[in-house]
């Protein structure tokens, strides 16, 4: 499955690296792409991926990281 979200607080390569690092702790995530320019995160994941748990972990990293659905 693929899920695309927006995280407006992403502003640099270090942000992207941090999000990728935390995401690596979720075995259901098969791949992740963080686009700093568009602030979009594309997740390829298994059906049993716990989006709420992932969002909680990412949002705990920084007050600026809010997971928003793409429109």
PDB file of N, CA and C in Angstrom:
ATOM      1  N   UNK A   1       0.834  -1.183   0.000  1.00  0.00           N
ATOM      2  CA  UNK A   1       0.000   0.000   0.000  1.00  0.00           C
ATOM      3  C   UNK A   1       0.878   1.245   0.000  1.00  0.00           C
ATOM      4  N   UNK A   2       0.287   2.331  -0.445  1.00  0.00           N
ATOM      5  CA  UNK A   2       1.001   3.601  -0.440  1.00  0.00           C
ATOM      6  C   UNK A   2       0.166   4.645   0.288  1.00  0.00           C
ATOM      7  N   UNK A   3       0.832   5.396   1.147  1.00  0.00           N
ATOM      8  CA  UNK A   3       0.202   6.512   1.844  1.00  0.00           C
ATOM      9  C   UNK A   3       1.086   7.730   1.640  1.00  0.00           C
ATOM     10  N   UNK A   4       0.463   8.851   1.304  1.00  0.00           N
ATOM     11  CA  UNK A   4       1.196  10.107   1.144  1.00  0.00           C
ATOM     12  C   UNK A   4       0.618  11.111   2.132  1.00  0.00           C
ATOM     13  N   UNK A   5       1.504  11.704   2.922  1.00  0.00           N
ATOM     14  CA  UNK A   5       1.094  12.732   3.881  1.00  0.00           C
ATOM     15  C   UNK A   5       1.971  13.963   3.692  1.00  0.00           C
ATOM     16  N   UNK A   6       1.535  15.059   4.255  1.00  0.00           N
ATOM     17  CA  UNK A   6       2.304  16.289   4.246  1.00  0.00           C
ATOM     18  C   UNK A   6       2.723  16.605   5.676  1.00  0.00           C
ATOM     19  N   UNK A   7       3.970  17.033   5.834  1.00  0.00           N
ATOM     20  CA  UNK A   7       4.472  17.469   7.133  1.00  0.00           C
ATOM     21  C   UNK A   7       5.064  18.866   6.916  1.00  0.00           C
ATOM     22  N   UNK A   8       4.257  19.927   7.149  1.00  0.00           N
ATOM     23  CA  UNK A   8       4.716  21.287   6.845  1.00  0.00           C
ATOM     24  C   UNK A   8       6.005  21.698   7.558  1.00  0.00           C
ATOM     25  N   UNK A   9       6.328  21.102   8.686  1.00  0.00           N
ATOM     26  CA  UNK A   9       7.521  21.493   9.436  1.00  0.00           C
ATOM     27  C   UNK A   9       8.838  21.030   8.846  1.00  0.00           C
ATOM     28  N   UNK A  10       8.795  20.184   7.823  1.00  0.00           N
ATOM     29  CA  UNK A  10      10.031  19.719   7.180  1.00  0.00           C
ATOM     30  C   UNK A  10      10.678  20.901   6.464  1.00  0.00           C
ATOM     31  N   UNK A  11      11.960  21.169   6.765  1.00  0.00           N
ATOM     32  CA  UNK A  11      12.610  22.291   6.090  1.00  0.00           C
ATOM     33  C   UNK A  11      14.033  22.025   5.615  1.00  0.00           C
ATOM     34  N   UNK A  12      14.585  20.834   5.925  1.00  0.00           N
ATOM     35  CA  UNK A  12      15.965  20.586   5.510  1.00  0.00           C
ATOM     36  C   UNK A  12      16.237  19.081   5.415  1.00  0.00           C
ATOM     37  N   UNK A  13      17.417  18.756   4.924  1.00  0.00           N
ATOM     38  CA  UNK A  13      17.808  17.351   4.769  1.00  0.00           C
ATOM     39  C   UNK A  13      17.890  16.641   6.114  1.00  0.00           C
ATOM     40  N   UNK A  14      18.238  17.371   7.168  1.00  0.00           N
ATOM     41  CA  UNK A  14      18.297  16.753   8.500  1.00  0.00           C
ATOM     42  C   UNK A  14      16.911  16.331   8.977  1.00  0.00           C
ATOM     43  N   UNK A  15      15.907  17.131   8.659  1.00  0.00           N
ATOM     44  CA  UNK A  15      14.526  16.757   8.980  1.00  0.00           C
ATOM     45  C   UNK A  15      14.170  15.447   8.280  1.00  0.00           C
ATOM     46  N   UNK A  16      14.494  15.383   7.006  1.00  0.00           N
ATOM     47  CA  UNK A  16      14.192  14.183   6.220  1.00  0.00           C
ATOM     48  C   UNK A  16      14.905  12.968   6.803  1.00  0.00           C
ATOM     49  N   UNK A  17      16.176  13.131   7.161  1.00  0.00           N
ATOM     50  CA  UNK A  17      16.948  12.026   7.717  1.00  0.00           C
ATOM     51  C   UNK A  17      16.357  11.556   9.045  1.00  0.00           C
ATOM     52  N   UNK A  18      15.930  12.493   9.882  1.00  0.00           N
ATOM     53  CA  UNK A  18      15.340  12.143  11.167  1.00  0.00           C
ATOM     54  C   UNK A  18      14.046  11.363  10.985  1.00  0.00           C
ATOM     55  N   UNK A  19      13.202  11.800  10.065  1.00  0.00           N
ATOM     56  CA  UNK A  19      11.938  11.102   9.800  1.00  0.00           C
ATOM     57  C   UNK A  19      12.204   9.709   9.250  1.00  0.00           C
ATOM     58  N   UNK A  20      13.172   9.593   8.357  1.00  0.00           N
ATOM     59  CA  UNK A  20      13.525   8.271   7.816  1.00  0.00           C
ATOM     60  C   UNK A  20      14.073   7.364   8.909  1.00  0.00           C
ATOM     61  N   UNK A  21      14.881   7.915   9.802  1.00  0.00           N
ATOM     62  CA  UNK A  21      15.476   7.122  10.880  1.00  0.00           C
ATOM     63  C   UNK A  21      14.393   6.563  11.802  1.00  0.00           C
ATOM     64  N   UNK A  22      13.474   7.403  12.221  1.00  0.00           N
ATOM     65  CA  UNK A  22      12.390   6.943  13.093  1.00  0.00           C
ATOM     66  C   UNK A  22      11.509   5.937  12.350  1.00  0.00           C
ATOM     67  N   UNK A  23      11.268   6.177  11.080  1.00  0.00           N
ATOM     68  CA  UNK A  23      10.423   5.276  10.290  1.00  0.00           C
ATOM     69  C   UNK A  23      11.050   3.895  10.138  1.00  0.00           C
ATOM     70  N   UNK A  24      12.370   3.829  10.196  1.00  0.00           N
ATOM     71  CA  UNK A  24      13.048   2.534  10.067  1.00  0.00           C
ATOM     72  C   UNK A  24      12.734   1.607  11.243  1.00  0.00           C
ATOM     73  N   UNK A  25      12.201   2.157  12.321  1.00  0.00           N
ATOM     74  CA  UNK A  25      11.818   1.357  13.485  1.00  0.00           C
ATOM     75  C   UNK A  25      10.474   0.657  13.295  1.00  0.00           C
ATOM     76  N   UNK A  26       9.805   0.949  12.191  1.00  0.00           N
ATOM     77  CA  UNK A  26       8.506   0.347  11.891  1.00  0.00           C
ATOM     78  C   UNK A  26       8.694  -0.690  10.792  1.00  0.00           C
ATOM     79  N   UNK A  27       8.701  -1.977  11.149  1.00  0.00           N
ATOM     80  CA  UNK A  27       8.957  -3.032  10.149  1.00  0.00           C
ATOM     81  C   UNK A  27       7.918  -3.092   9.027  1.00  0.00           C
ATOM     82  N   UNK A  28       6.736  -2.542   9.248  1.00  0.00           N
ATOM     83  CA  UNK A  28       5.694  -2.549   8.210  1.00  0.00           C
ATOM     84  C   UNK A  28       6.008  -1.588   7.075  1.00  0.00           C
ATOM     85  N   UNK A  29       6.914  -0.622   7.320  1.00  0.00           N
ATOM     86  CA  UNK A  29       7.264   0.338   6.280  1.00  0.00           C
ATOM     87  C   UNK A  29       8.314  -0.290   5.374  1.00  0.00           C
ATOM     88  N   UNK A  30       7.961  -0.430   4.110  1.00  0.00           N
ATOM     89  CA  UNK A  30       8.853  -1.044   3.133  1.00  0.00           C
ATOM     90  C   UNK A  30       9.809  -0.022   2.526  1.00  0.00           C
ATOM     91  N   UNK A  31       9.310   1.208   2.311  1.00  0.00           N
ATOM     92  CA  UNK A  31      10.167   2.292   1.822  1.00  0.00           C
ATOM     93  C   UNK A  31       9.525   3.623   2.182  1.00  0.00           C
ATOM     94  N   UNK A  32      10.377   4.636   2.234  1.00  0.00           N
ATOM     95  CA  UNK A  32       9.891   5.976   2.565  1.00  0.00           C
ATOM     96  C   UNK A  32      10.658   6.988   1.726  1.00  0.00           C
ATOM     97  N   UNK A  33       9.927   7.970   1.221  1.00  0.00           N
ATOM     98  CA  UNK A  33      10.548   9.065   0.484  1.00  0.00           C
ATOM     99  C   UNK A  33      10.086  10.361   1.133  1.00  0.00           C
ATOM    100  N   UNK A  34      11.042  11.183   1.537  1.00  0.00           N
ATOM    101  CA  UNK A  34      10.731  12.474   2.143  1.00  0.00           C
ATOM    102  C   UNK A  34      11.199  13.561   1.177  1.00  0.00           C
ATOM    103  N   UNK A  35      10.250  14.323   0.656  1.00  0.00           N
ATOM    104  CA  UNK A  35      10.569  15.399  -0.273  1.00  0.00           C
ATOM    105  C   UNK A  35      10.559  16.719   0.493  1.00  0.00           C
ATOM    106  N   UNK A  36      11.739  17.282   0.714  1.00  0.00           N
ATOM    107  CA  UNK A  36      11.873  18.514   1.489  1.00  0.00           C
ATOM    108  C   UNK A  36      11.187  19.682   0.788  1.00  0.00           C
ATOM    109  N   UNK A  37      11.255  19.738  -0.534  1.00  0.00           N
ATOM    110  CA  UNK A  37      10.676  20.856  -1.286  1.00  0.00           C
ATOM    111  C   UNK A  37       9.148  20.894  -1.190  1.00  0.00           C
ATOM    112  N   UNK A  38       8.507  19.741  -1.360  1.00  0.00           N
ATOM    113  CA  UNK A  38       7.039  19.697  -1.328  1.00  0.00           C
ATOM    114  C   UNK A  38       6.501  19.400   0.065  1.00  0.00           C
ATOM    115  N   UNK A  39       7.398  18.987   0.973  1.00  0.00           N
ATOM    116  CA  UNK A  39       7.043  18.625   2.348  1.00  0.00           C
ATOM    117  C   UNK A  39       6.144  17.386   2.402  1.00  0.00           C
ATOM    118  N   UNK A  40       6.218  16.569   1.348  1.00  0.00           N
ATOM    119  CA  UNK A  40       5.417  15.347   1.283  1.00  0.00           C
ATOM    120  C   UNK A  40       6.262  14.129   1.640  1.00  0.00           C
ATOM    121  N   UNK A  41       5.616  13.205   2.340  1.00  0.00           N
ATOM    122  CA  UNK A  41       6.247  11.947   2.717  1.00  0.00           C
ATOM    123  C   UNK A  41       5.429  10.828   2.085  1.00  0.00           C
ATOM    124  N   UNK A  42       6.103  10.006   1.288  1.00  0.00           N
ATOM    125  CA  UNK A  42       5.453   8.875   0.634  1.00  0.00           C
ATOM    126  C   UNK A  42       5.924   7.602   1.317  1.00  0.00           C
ATOM    127  N   UNK A  43       4.971   6.864   1.848  1.00  0.00           N
ATOM    128  CA  UNK A  43       5.258   5.611   2.543  1.00  0.00           C
ATOM    129  C   UNK A  43       4.729   4.443   1.731  1.00  0.00           C
ATOM    130  N   UNK A  44       5.573   3.469   1.508  1.00  0.00           N
ATOM    131  CA  UNK A  44       5.137   2.180   0.963  1.00  0.00           C
ATOM    132  C   UNK A  44       5.136   1.238   2.161  1.00  0.00           C
ATOM    133  N   UNK A  45       3.985   0.612   2.412  1.00  0.00           N
ATOM    134  CA  UNK A  45       3.884  -0.172   3.643  1.00  0.00           C
ATOM    135  C   UNK A  45       2.952  -1.363   3.494  1.00  0.00           C
ATOM    136  N   UNK A  46       3.077  -2.269   4.455  1.00  0.00           N
ATOM    137  CA  UNK A  46       2.214  -3.445   4.509  1.00  0.00           C
ATOM    138  C   UNK A  46       0.819  -3.026   4.958  1.00  0.00           C
ATOM    139  N   UNK A  47      -0.149  -3.899   4.735  1.00  0.00           N
ATOM    140  CA  UNK A  47      -1.533  -3.612   5.111  1.00  0.00           C
ATOM    141  C   UNK A  47      -1.702  -3.396   6.613  1.00  0.00           C
ATOM    142  N   UNK A  48      -0.844  -4.021   7.412  1.00  0.00           N
ATOM    143  CA  UNK A  48      -0.986  -3.926   8.868  1.00  0.00           C
ATOM    144  C   UNK A  48      -0.240  -2.732   9.479  1.00  0.00           C
ATOM    145  N   UNK A  49       0.209  -1.796   8.641  1.00  0.00           N
ATOM    146  CA  UNK A  49       0.921  -0.621   9.120  1.00  0.00           C
ATOM    147  C   UNK A  49       0.036   0.193  10.059  1.00  0.00           C
ATOM    148  N   UNK A  50       0.588   0.556  11.220  1.00  0.00           N
ATOM    149  CA  UNK A  50      -0.134   1.338  12.224  1.00  0.00           C
ATOM    150  C   UNK A  50       0.180   2.822  12.009  1.00  0.00           C
ATOM    151  N   UNK A  51      -0.625   3.455  11.196  1.00  0.00           N
ATOM    152  CA  UNK A  51      -0.410   4.864  10.849  1.00  0.00           C
ATOM    153  C   UNK A  51      -0.459   5.761  12.077  1.00  0.00           C
ATOM    154  N   UNK A  52      -1.366   5.482  12.997  1.00  0.00           N
ATOM    155  CA  UNK A  52      -1.497   6.318  14.191  1.00  0.00           C
ATOM    156  C   UNK A  52      -0.236   6.252  15.058  1.00  0.00           C
ATOM    157  N   UNK A  53       0.330   5.069  15.213  1.00  0.00           N
ATOM    158  CA  UNK A  53       1.551   4.929  16.018  1.00  0.00           C
ATOM    159  C   UNK A  53       2.712   5.659  15.348  1.00  0.00           C
ATOM    160  N   UNK A  54       2.803   5.538  14.018  1.00  0.00           N
ATOM    161  CA  UNK A  54       3.872   6.223  13.284  1.00  0.00           C
ATOM    162  C   UNK A  54       3.727   7.733  13.416  1.00  0.00           C
ATOM    163  N   UNK A  55       2.505   8.234  13.214  1.00  0.00           N
ATOM    164  CA  UNK A  55       2.254   9.674  13.308  1.00  0.00           C
ATOM    165  C   UNK A  55       2.598  10.192  14.699  1.00  0.00           C
ATOM    166  N   UNK A  56       2.266   9.440  15.715  1.00  0.00           N
ATOM    167  CA  UNK A  56       2.575   9.845  17.098  1.00  0.00           C
ATOM    168  C   UNK A  56       4.084   9.974  17.294  1.00  0.00           C
ATOM    169  N   UNK A  57       4.842   9.014  16.779  1.00  0.00           N
ATOM    170  CA  UNK A  57       6.302   9.050  16.904  1.00  0.00           C
ATOM    171  C   UNK A  57       6.899  10.238  16.145  1.00  0.00           C
ATOM    172  N   UNK A  58       6.418  10.480  14.935  1.00  0.00           N
ATOM    173  CA  UNK A  58       6.946  11.582  14.135  1.00  0.00           C
ATOM    174  C   UNK A  58       6.594  12.923  14.780  1.00  0.00           C
ATOM    175  N   UNK A  59       5.364  13.080  15.203  1.00  0.00           N
ATOM    176  CA  UNK A  59       4.941  14.342  15.808  1.00  0.00           C
ATOM    177  C   UNK A  59       5.638  14.609  17.141  1.00  0.00           C
ATOM    178  N   UNK A  60       6.097  13.565  17.807  1.00  0.00           N
ATOM    179  CA  UNK A  60       6.809  13.733  19.075  1.00  0.00           C
ATOM    180  C   UNK A  60       8.228  14.277  18.859  1.00  0.00           C
ATOM    181  N   UNK A  61       8.721  14.204  17.636  1.00  0.00           N
ATOM    182  CA  UNK A  61      10.079  14.669  17.346  1.00  0.00           C
ATOM    183  C   UNK A  61      10.216  16.187  17.451  1.00  0.00           C
ATOM    184  N   UNK A  62       9.173  16.897  17.044  1.00  0.00           N
ATOM    185  CA  UNK A  62       9.249  18.364  16.990  1.00  0.00           C
ATOM    186  C   UNK A  62       7.831  18.918  16.919  1.00  0.00           C
ATOM    187  N   UNK A  63       7.595  20.022  17.581  1.00  0.00           N
ATOM    188  CA  UNK A  63       6.264  20.645  17.559  1.00  0.00           C
ATOM    189  C   UNK A  63       5.832  21.050  16.148  1.00  0.00           C
ATOM    190  N   UNK A  64       6.809  21.268  15.259  1.00  0.00           N
ATOM    191  CA  UNK A  64       6.492  21.683  13.886  1.00  0.00           C
ATOM    192  C   UNK A  64       6.047  20.519  13.011  1.00  0.00           C
ATOM    193  N   UNK A  65       6.269  19.284  13.452  1.00  0.00           N
ATOM    194  CA  UNK A  65       5.920  18.112  12.642  1.00  0.00           C
ATOM    195  C   UNK A  65       4.484  17.684  12.920  1.00  0.00           C
ATOM    196  N   UNK A  66       3.590  18.079  12.064  1.00  0.00           N
ATOM    197  CA  UNK A  66       2.193  17.663  12.147  1.00  0.00           C
ATOM    198  C   UNK A  66       1.868  16.887  10.883  1.00  0.00           C
ATOM    199  N   UNK A  67       1.342  15.699  11.062  1.00  0.00           N
ATOM    200  CA  UNK A  67       1.004  14.845   9.926  1.00  0.00           C
ATOM    201  C   UNK A  67      -0.357  15.290   9.375  1.00  0.00           C
ATOM    202  N   UNK A  68      -0.370  15.694   8.114  1.00  0.00           N
ATOM    203  CA  UNK A  68      -1.599  16.131   7.466  1.00  0.00           C
ATOM    204  C   UNK A  68      -1.849  15.268   6.230  1.00  0.00           C
ATOM    205  N   UNK A  69      -3.103  14.915   5.996  1.00  0.00           N
ATOM    206  CA  UNK A  69      -3.406  14.163   4.772  1.00  0.00           C
ATOM    207  C   UNK A  69      -3.187  15.046   3.552  1.00  0.00           C
ATOM    208  N   UNK A  70      -2.823  14.438   2.445  1.00  0.00           N
ATOM    209  CA  UNK A  70      -2.678  15.209   1.210  1.00  0.00           C
ATOM    210  C   UNK A  70      -4.053  15.409   0.606  1.00  0.00           C
ATOM    211  N   UNK A  71      -4.176  16.473  -0.157  1.00  0.00           N
ATOM    212  CA  UNK A  71      -5.499  16.758  -0.749  1.00  0.00           C
ATOM    213  C   UNK A  71      -5.468  16.524  -2.237  1.00  0.00           C
TER     214      UNK A  71
END
